[in-house]
């Protein structure tokens, strides 16, 4: 099964570039930028990655990105992820980034998007991996801060495919960003939003995302399994979900744990599997996440192919490119004698 997963053509949609910042690169970028890190070595830094909920994780995550200061830093970050992804037979990726966190440290938007865009072009030439970029609003910062970031990015909208919504959900519903999503959509960008699992008012937030904001995808979203009404709404809209089993693989319903991947598959929802923030989650990238998910959710080879078919169908690409990627997946399935 591990070989099947490794060889399967894949796509990834829920990966935060800053969450791929491995400890080794943090030390390298700190040296480049004349910073001193409060850790003796890489091992000591990794031992500090201890969290028990979303806010404690985010504190570590945002502290780690302080070493990103120059365009070349963002180039190195994105290039390293895309090289790793290509080595795992990921053909296509749509990557999140959090510009507000960089803007407030005085890093210009041009440096952030410029470095990532150059890395995307080089990675496609060197490794064949295609990619696009999603600007995420940090929901626990002000709505004004998010709008300023969007305004700073729109002159470079040709390098973006969509906008997203991430970070601490408590007290920060999707509706807070209705004007931002409307402005992005008017500029021709797609829209997605995190609905993290087991958060305060989580079902109301999922409803806002689907009904009010009419998002094109939902990131995480596992608590939808608690609501037959919302499941029906998502199926009518043919929505896709970018699930990350490492961080949000289970929800509770009437006190009982529900496996999100298995639950979404069984309900006929369009589930995809993704890595989220691999540098902070045991350096488990998509292949490792899929191996773990296969065992945890008792996924068959046919179901794994179905999940990757969902992924290529979820992509914000032309139908011609989609057909190309699906053809590669179908060819792989036939090689393994998996019914398609």
Protein backbone atom coordinates (compact mmCIF):
# COMPACT_ATOMS: atom_id res chain seq x y z
CA UNK A 1 0.00 0.00 0.00
CA UNK A 2 2.84 2.42 0.75
CA UNK A 3 4.27 1.81 -2.73
CA UNK A 4 0.83 2.29 -4.26
CA UNK A 5 0.50 5.64 -2.48
CA UNK A 6 4.02 6.73 -3.41
CA UNK A 7 3.50 5.98 -7.11
CA UNK A 8 -0.02 7.44 -7.34
CA UNK A 9 -0.27 10.83 -9.13
CA UNK A 10 -1.47 13.38 -6.57
CA UNK A 11 -2.54 16.97 -5.99
CA UNK A 12 -2.39 19.02 -2.79
CA UNK A 13 -4.53 22.01 -1.79
CA UNK A 14 -4.24 22.46 1.95
CA UNK A 15 -0.60 23.19 2.63
CA UNK A 16 0.64 26.38 4.30
CA UNK A 17 4.00 27.39 2.85
CA UNK A 18 5.10 28.84 6.18
CA UNK A 19 4.12 25.49 7.69
CA UNK A 20 6.71 23.76 5.50
CA UNK A 21 9.55 25.81 7.04
CA UNK A 22 11.75 23.03 8.39
CA UNK A 23 14.04 23.64 11.36
CA UNK A 24 17.19 23.33 9.23
CA UNK A 25 16.00 26.10 6.94
CA UNK A 26 15.07 28.30 9.90
CA UNK A 27 18.67 28.16 11.09
CA UNK A 28 19.98 28.86 7.57
CA UNK A 29 17.67 31.85 7.08
CA UNK A 30 18.48 33.17 10.55
CA UNK A 31 22.20 33.13 9.67
CA UNK A 32 21.50 34.87 6.36
CA UNK A 33 19.46 37.58 8.08
CA UNK A 34 21.67 38.06 11.12
CA UNK A 35 19.17 36.65 13.61
CA UNK A 36 19.85 34.57 16.71
CA UNK A 37 17.43 31.75 17.46
CA UNK A 38 16.78 30.67 21.07
CA UNK A 39 17.68 27.02 20.38
CA UNK A 40 20.98 25.19 20.60
CA UNK A 41 20.34 23.13 17.48
CA UNK A 42 17.73 21.65 15.14
CA UNK A 43 16.83 18.89 17.57
CA UNK A 44 16.18 21.38 20.36
CA UNK A 45 13.98 23.46 18.07
CA UNK A 46 11.93 20.45 17.04
CA UNK A 47 11.47 19.46 20.70
CA UNK A 48 9.81 22.83 21.23
CA UNK A 49 6.99 21.97 18.82
CA UNK A 50 4.56 20.99 21.58
CA UNK A 51 0.93 22.05 21.21
CA UNK A 52 -2.44 20.80 22.43
CA UNK A 53 -4.95 22.92 20.52
CA UNK A 54 -5.18 25.41 17.66
CA UNK A 55 -4.06 28.53 19.61
CA UNK A 56 -1.00 26.78 21.07
CA UNK A 57 -0.07 25.50 17.62
CA UNK A 58 -0.46 28.93 16.06
CA UNK A 59 1.84 30.53 18.64
CA UNK A 60 4.65 28.21 17.53
CA UNK A 61 3.78 28.59 13.85
CA UNK A 62 3.81 32.39 13.79
CA UNK A 63 6.96 32.62 15.86
CA UNK A 64 8.76 30.38 13.38
CA UNK A 65 8.14 32.55 10.34
CA UNK A 66 10.02 35.55 11.77
CA UNK A 67 13.14 34.42 9.89
CA UNK A 68 11.41 35.16 6.55
CA UNK A 69 12.55 38.68 5.69
CA UNK A 70 13.79 38.84 2.09
CA UNK A 71 12.47 37.81 -1.31
CA UNK A 72 15.14 35.11 -1.46
CA UNK A 73 13.84 33.62 1.79
CA UNK A 74 10.39 33.13 0.28
CA UNK A 75 11.98 31.71 -2.86
CA UNK A 76 13.91 29.14 -0.81
CA UNK A 77 10.83 28.25 1.24
CA UNK A 78 8.57 27.64 -1.75
CA UNK A 79 11.24 25.91 -3.82
CA UNK A 80 12.00 23.46 -1.00
CA UNK A 81 8.34 22.53 -0.61
CA UNK A 82 7.80 22.10 -4.34
CA UNK A 83 10.93 19.95 -4.67
CA UNK A 84 9.67 17.74 -1.84
CA UNK A 85 6.18 17.58 -3.31
CA UNK A 86 7.50 16.64 -6.75
CA UNK A 87 9.58 13.85 -5.17
CA UNK A 88 6.32 12.44 -3.78
CA UNK A 89 4.66 12.42 -7.22
CA UNK A 90 2.50 15.47 -6.55
CA UNK A 91 1.75 16.83 -10.01
CA UNK A 92 -0.06 19.96 -8.89
CA UNK A 93 -0.33 22.06 -5.72
CA UNK A 94 -2.24 25.13 -4.60
CA UNK A 95 -0.37 26.64 -1.67
CA UNK A 96 -1.49 28.99 1.11
CA UNK A 97 0.56 31.90 2.42
CA UNK A 98 -0.10 34.43 5.23
CA UNK A 99 1.06 37.87 4.03
CA UNK A 100 -0.33 39.85 6.98
CA UNK A 101 2.22 38.25 9.28
CA UNK A 102 5.01 39.41 6.97
CA UNK A 103 3.63 42.87 6.23
CA UNK A 104 3.47 43.69 9.93
CA UNK A 105 7.21 42.91 10.15
CA UNK A 106 7.90 45.37 7.33
CA UNK A 107 8.34 42.80 4.55
CA UNK A 108 6.79 44.19 1.34
CA UNK A 109 4.14 42.16 -0.48
CA UNK A 110 6.29 42.31 -3.64
CA UNK A 111 9.06 40.40 -1.87
CA UNK A 112 6.68 37.72 -0.59
CA UNK A 113 4.80 37.08 -3.82
CA UNK A 114 7.88 37.71 -5.95
CA UNK A 115 10.00 35.09 -4.23
CA UNK A 116 7.25 32.47 -4.26
CA UNK A 117 6.41 33.16 -7.91
CA UNK A 118 10.02 32.73 -9.03
CA UNK A 119 10.24 29.48 -7.09
CA UNK A 120 7.06 28.20 -8.72
CA UNK A 121 8.44 28.91 -12.19
CA UNK A 122 11.80 27.29 -11.45
CA UNK A 123 10.21 24.24 -9.82
CA UNK A 124 8.00 23.65 -12.83
CA UNK A 125 11.05 23.80 -15.13
CA UNK A 126 13.22 21.63 -12.87
CA UNK A 127 10.73 19.09 -11.49
CA UNK A 128 7.64 19.35 -13.69
CA UNK A 129 5.36 20.26 -10.78
CA UNK A 130 2.67 22.84 -11.51
CA UNK A 131 1.37 25.12 -8.76
CA UNK A 132 -0.72 28.14 -7.87
CA UNK A 133 -0.90 30.47 -4.88
CA UNK A 134 -3.71 31.30 -2.41
CA UNK A 135 -3.54 34.41 -0.22
CA UNK A 136 -4.95 33.67 3.24
CA UNK A 137 -6.49 36.24 5.55
CA UNK A 138 -5.37 35.79 9.17
CA UNK A 139 -8.78 35.81 10.78
CA UNK A 140 -7.71 36.81 14.30
CA UNK A 141 -6.12 40.01 12.98
CA UNK A 142 -8.35 42.96 12.11
CA UNK A 143 -10.60 43.09 9.08
CA UNK A 144 -8.79 46.31 8.13
CA UNK A 145 -5.44 44.50 8.17
CA UNK A 146 -6.84 41.79 5.89
CA UNK A 147 -8.22 44.36 3.45
CA UNK A 148 -4.88 46.17 3.37
CA UNK A 149 -3.16 42.88 2.51
CA UNK A 150 -5.66 42.18 -0.26
CA UNK A 151 -5.24 45.67 -1.68
CA UNK A 152 -1.46 45.28 -1.63
CA UNK A 153 -1.71 41.96 -3.47
CA UNK A 154 -4.30 42.79 -6.13
CA UNK A 155 -1.80 44.57 -8.41
CA UNK A 156 -0.10 41.15 -8.60
CA UNK A 157 -3.32 39.14 -8.90
CA UNK A 158 -1.97 37.37 -11.99
CA UNK A 159 0.22 35.40 -9.56
CA UNK A 160 -2.74 34.38 -7.36
CA UNK A 161 -5.55 31.92 -7.96
CA UNK A 162 -7.65 32.58 -4.87
CA UNK A 163 -8.00 33.82 -1.30
CA UNK A 164 -8.50 31.81 1.85
CA UNK A 165 -9.18 32.26 5.56
CA UNK A 166 -7.10 30.68 8.31
CA UNK A 167 -5.79 31.06 11.89
CA UNK A 168 -7.78 31.22 15.16
CA UNK A 169 -11.48 30.79 14.43
CA UNK A 170 -12.82 31.71 17.90
CA UNK A 171 -14.75 34.96 17.60
CA UNK A 172 -13.73 35.32 13.94
CA UNK A 173 -16.55 33.92 11.80
CA UNK A 174 -16.36 33.81 8.00
CA UNK A 175 -18.90 36.67 7.85
CA UNK A 176 -16.22 39.01 9.23
CA UNK A 177 -14.57 38.76 5.81
CA UNK A 178 -17.61 38.99 3.52
CA UNK A 179 -16.40 42.25 1.94
CA UNK A 180 -12.92 40.79 1.39
CA UNK A 181 -14.26 37.69 -0.33
CA UNK A 182 -16.60 39.79 -2.50
CA UNK A 183 -13.73 42.05 -3.57
CA UNK A 184 -11.48 39.07 -4.34
CA UNK A 185 -14.21 37.34 -6.32
CA UNK A 186 -14.85 40.54 -8.29
CA UNK A 187 -11.14 40.54 -9.16
CA UNK A 188 -11.49 37.04 -10.62
CA UNK A 189 -10.11 35.06 -7.67
CA UNK A 190 -11.55 31.88 -6.18
CA UNK A 191 -12.58 31.69 -2.52
CA UNK A 192 -12.02 29.10 0.19
CA UNK A 193 -12.18 29.18 4.00
CA UNK A 194 -10.89 27.17 6.93
CA UNK A 195 -13.62 25.68 9.11
CA UNK A 196 -11.43 24.00 11.70
CA UNK A 197 -12.78 21.02 13.61
CA UNK A 198 -14.44 21.25 17.01
CA UNK A 199 -14.37 25.05 17.18
CA UNK A 200 -16.87 27.36 18.87
CA UNK A 201 -19.98 27.81 16.67
CA UNK A 202 -18.41 25.50 14.11
CA UNK A 203 -21.66 24.47 12.37
CA UNK A 204 -22.77 28.09 12.09
CA UNK A 205 -19.39 28.96 10.56
CA UNK A 206 -19.73 26.14 8.01
CA UNK A 207 -23.22 27.41 7.16
CA UNK A 208 -21.90 30.98 6.69
CA UNK A 209 -19.14 29.70 4.41
CA UNK A 210 -21.51 27.66 2.24
CA UNK A 211 -24.66 29.79 2.20
CA UNK A 212 -23.59 33.39 2.75
CA UNK A 213 -20.08 33.51 1.28
CA UNK A 214 -20.66 30.74 -1.27
CA UNK A 215 -17.08 29.50 -1.00
CA UNK A 216 -15.64 27.33 -3.76
CA UNK A 217 -14.01 24.94 -1.26
CA UNK A 218 -13.90 24.33 2.50
CA UNK A 219 -10.64 23.64 4.30
CA UNK A 220 -11.03 21.00 7.07
CA UNK A 221 -14.81 21.17 7.67
CA UNK A 222 -15.10 17.81 9.43
CA UNK A 223 -17.90 18.92 11.76
CA UNK A 224 -20.24 18.99 8.78
CA UNK A 225 -20.71 15.29 9.54
CA UNK A 226 -22.78 16.37 12.58
CA UNK A 227 -25.40 18.02 10.35
CA UNK A 228 -27.41 16.13 7.71
CA UNK A 229 -28.78 19.50 6.51
CA UNK A 230 -25.31 20.92 5.85
CA UNK A 231 -24.19 17.67 4.21
CA UNK A 232 -27.12 18.00 1.81
CA UNK A 233 -26.23 21.64 1.10
CA UNK A 234 -22.59 20.75 0.37
CA UNK A 235 -23.63 17.94 -1.95
CA UNK A 236 -26.03 20.17 -3.85
CA UNK A 237 -23.21 22.66 -4.38
CA UNK A 238 -20.74 19.85 -5.22
CA UNK A 239 -18.29 21.38 -2.71
CA UNK A 240 -14.83 19.98 -2.15
CA UNK A 241 -13.21 19.58 1.27
CA UNK A 242 -9.47 19.74 1.93
CA UNK A 243 -9.06 17.50 4.97
CA UNK A 244 -5.80 17.17 6.91
CA UNK A 245 -6.02 13.95 8.98
CA UNK A 246 -2.84 14.71 10.95
CA UNK A 247 -4.44 17.72 12.65
CA UNK A 248 -8.18 17.38 12.16
CA UNK A 249 -8.94 13.75 11.46
CA UNK A 250 -11.68 13.18 14.05
CA UNK A 251 -14.78 14.95 15.31
CA UNK A 252 -17.33 13.93 17.93
CA UNK A 253 -21.03 13.34 17.46
CA UNK A 254 -23.17 12.53 20.48
CA UNK A 255 -19.97 11.85 22.39
CA UNK A 256 -18.65 9.35 19.86
CA UNK A 257 -15.56 9.96 17.71
CA UNK A 258 -16.10 10.09 13.94
CA UNK A 259 -13.30 9.51 11.46
CA UNK A 260 -13.60 12.50 9.11
CA UNK A 261 -12.16 10.89 5.95
CA UNK A 262 -14.23 7.73 6.33
CA UNK A 263 -17.32 9.74 7.27
CA UNK A 264 -17.04 12.06 4.28
CA UNK A 265 -16.46 9.18 1.89
CA UNK A 266 -19.44 7.28 3.24
CA UNK A 267 -21.64 10.39 2.98
CA UNK A 268 -20.62 10.93 -0.64
CA UNK A 269 -18.79 14.22 0.02
CA UNK A 270 -15.86 15.31 -2.12
CA UNK A 271 -13.01 14.73 0.33
CA UNK A 272 -9.36 15.35 -0.48
CA UNK A 273 -6.38 14.56 1.80
CA UNK A 274 -3.61 17.07 2.45
CA UNK A 275 -0.61 17.67 4.72
CA UNK A 276 -1.38 21.10 6.30
CA UNK A 277 1.81 22.19 8.16
CA UNK A 278 4.22 19.26 7.73
CA UNK A 279 7.31 20.91 9.25
CA UNK A 280 5.43 21.15 12.56
CA UNK A 281 3.72 17.79 12.29
CA UNK A 282 6.61 15.36 12.37
CA UNK A 283 7.81 16.31 8.86
CA UNK A 284 5.01 14.14 7.44
CA UNK A 285 4.35 15.32 3.90
CA UNK A 286 1.52 14.07 1.71
CA UNK A 287 2.74 10.51 1.14
CA UNK A 288 3.26 9.95 4.86
CA UNK A 289 -0.12 11.52 5.65
CA UNK A 290 -1.82 9.25 3.12
CA UNK A 291 -0.13 6.14 4.53
CA UNK A 292 -1.37 7.06 8.00
CA UNK A 293 -4.85 7.95 6.74
CA UNK A 294 -5.11 4.71 4.78
CA UNK A 295 -4.57 2.69 7.94
CA UNK A 296 -6.69 4.92 10.18
CA UNK A 297 -9.65 5.12 7.81
CA UNK A 298 -9.30 1.61 6.29
CA UNK A 299 -9.04 3.03 2.78
CA UNK A 300 -8.98 0.68 -0.18
CA UNK A 301 -6.89 1.31 -3.29
CA UNK A 302 -10.09 2.21 -5.13
CA UNK A 303 -10.98 4.76 -2.43
CA UNK A 304 -7.49 6.28 -2.57
CA UNK A 305 -7.86 6.73 -6.33
CA UNK A 306 -11.30 8.27 -5.72
CA UNK A 307 -9.76 10.73 -3.25
CA UNK A 308 -7.12 11.79 -5.79
CA UNK A 309 -9.78 12.04 -8.48
CA UNK A 310 -11.60 14.42 -6.11
CA UNK A 311 -8.34 16.35 -5.74
CA UNK A 312 -7.82 16.89 -9.45
CA UNK A 313 -11.49 17.81 -9.81
CA UNK A 314 -11.10 20.32 -6.96
CA UNK A 315 -8.24 22.11 -8.72
CA UNK A 316 -8.75 25.68 -9.92
CA UNK A 317 -7.41 24.94 -13.40
CA UNK A 318 -8.61 24.72 -16.98
CA UNK A 319 -10.58 21.67 -18.07
CA UNK A 320 -7.76 20.81 -20.48
CA UNK A 321 -5.22 20.63 -17.63
CA UNK A 322 -7.70 18.70 -15.48
CA UNK A 323 -8.19 16.14 -18.23
CA UNK A 324 -4.41 15.77 -18.51
CA UNK A 325 -3.98 15.08 -14.79
CA UNK A 326 -6.96 12.72 -14.61
CA UNK A 327 -5.56 10.81 -17.58
CA UNK A 328 -2.36 10.19 -15.62
CA UNK A 329 -4.38 9.01 -12.62
CA UNK A 330 -6.49 6.68 -14.76
CA UNK A 331 -3.38 5.23 -16.39
CA UNK A 332 -1.90 4.59 -12.92
CA UNK A 333 -5.12 2.90 -11.75
CA UNK A 334 -5.15 0.60 -14.78
CA UNK A 335 -1.52 -0.35 -14.11
CA UNK A 336 -2.53 -1.46 -10.61
CA UNK A 337 -5.74 -3.09 -11.89
CA UNK A 338 -7.91 -0.73 -9.84
CA UNK A 339 -11.43 -0.20 -11.14
CA UNK A 340 -12.04 3.39 -12.26
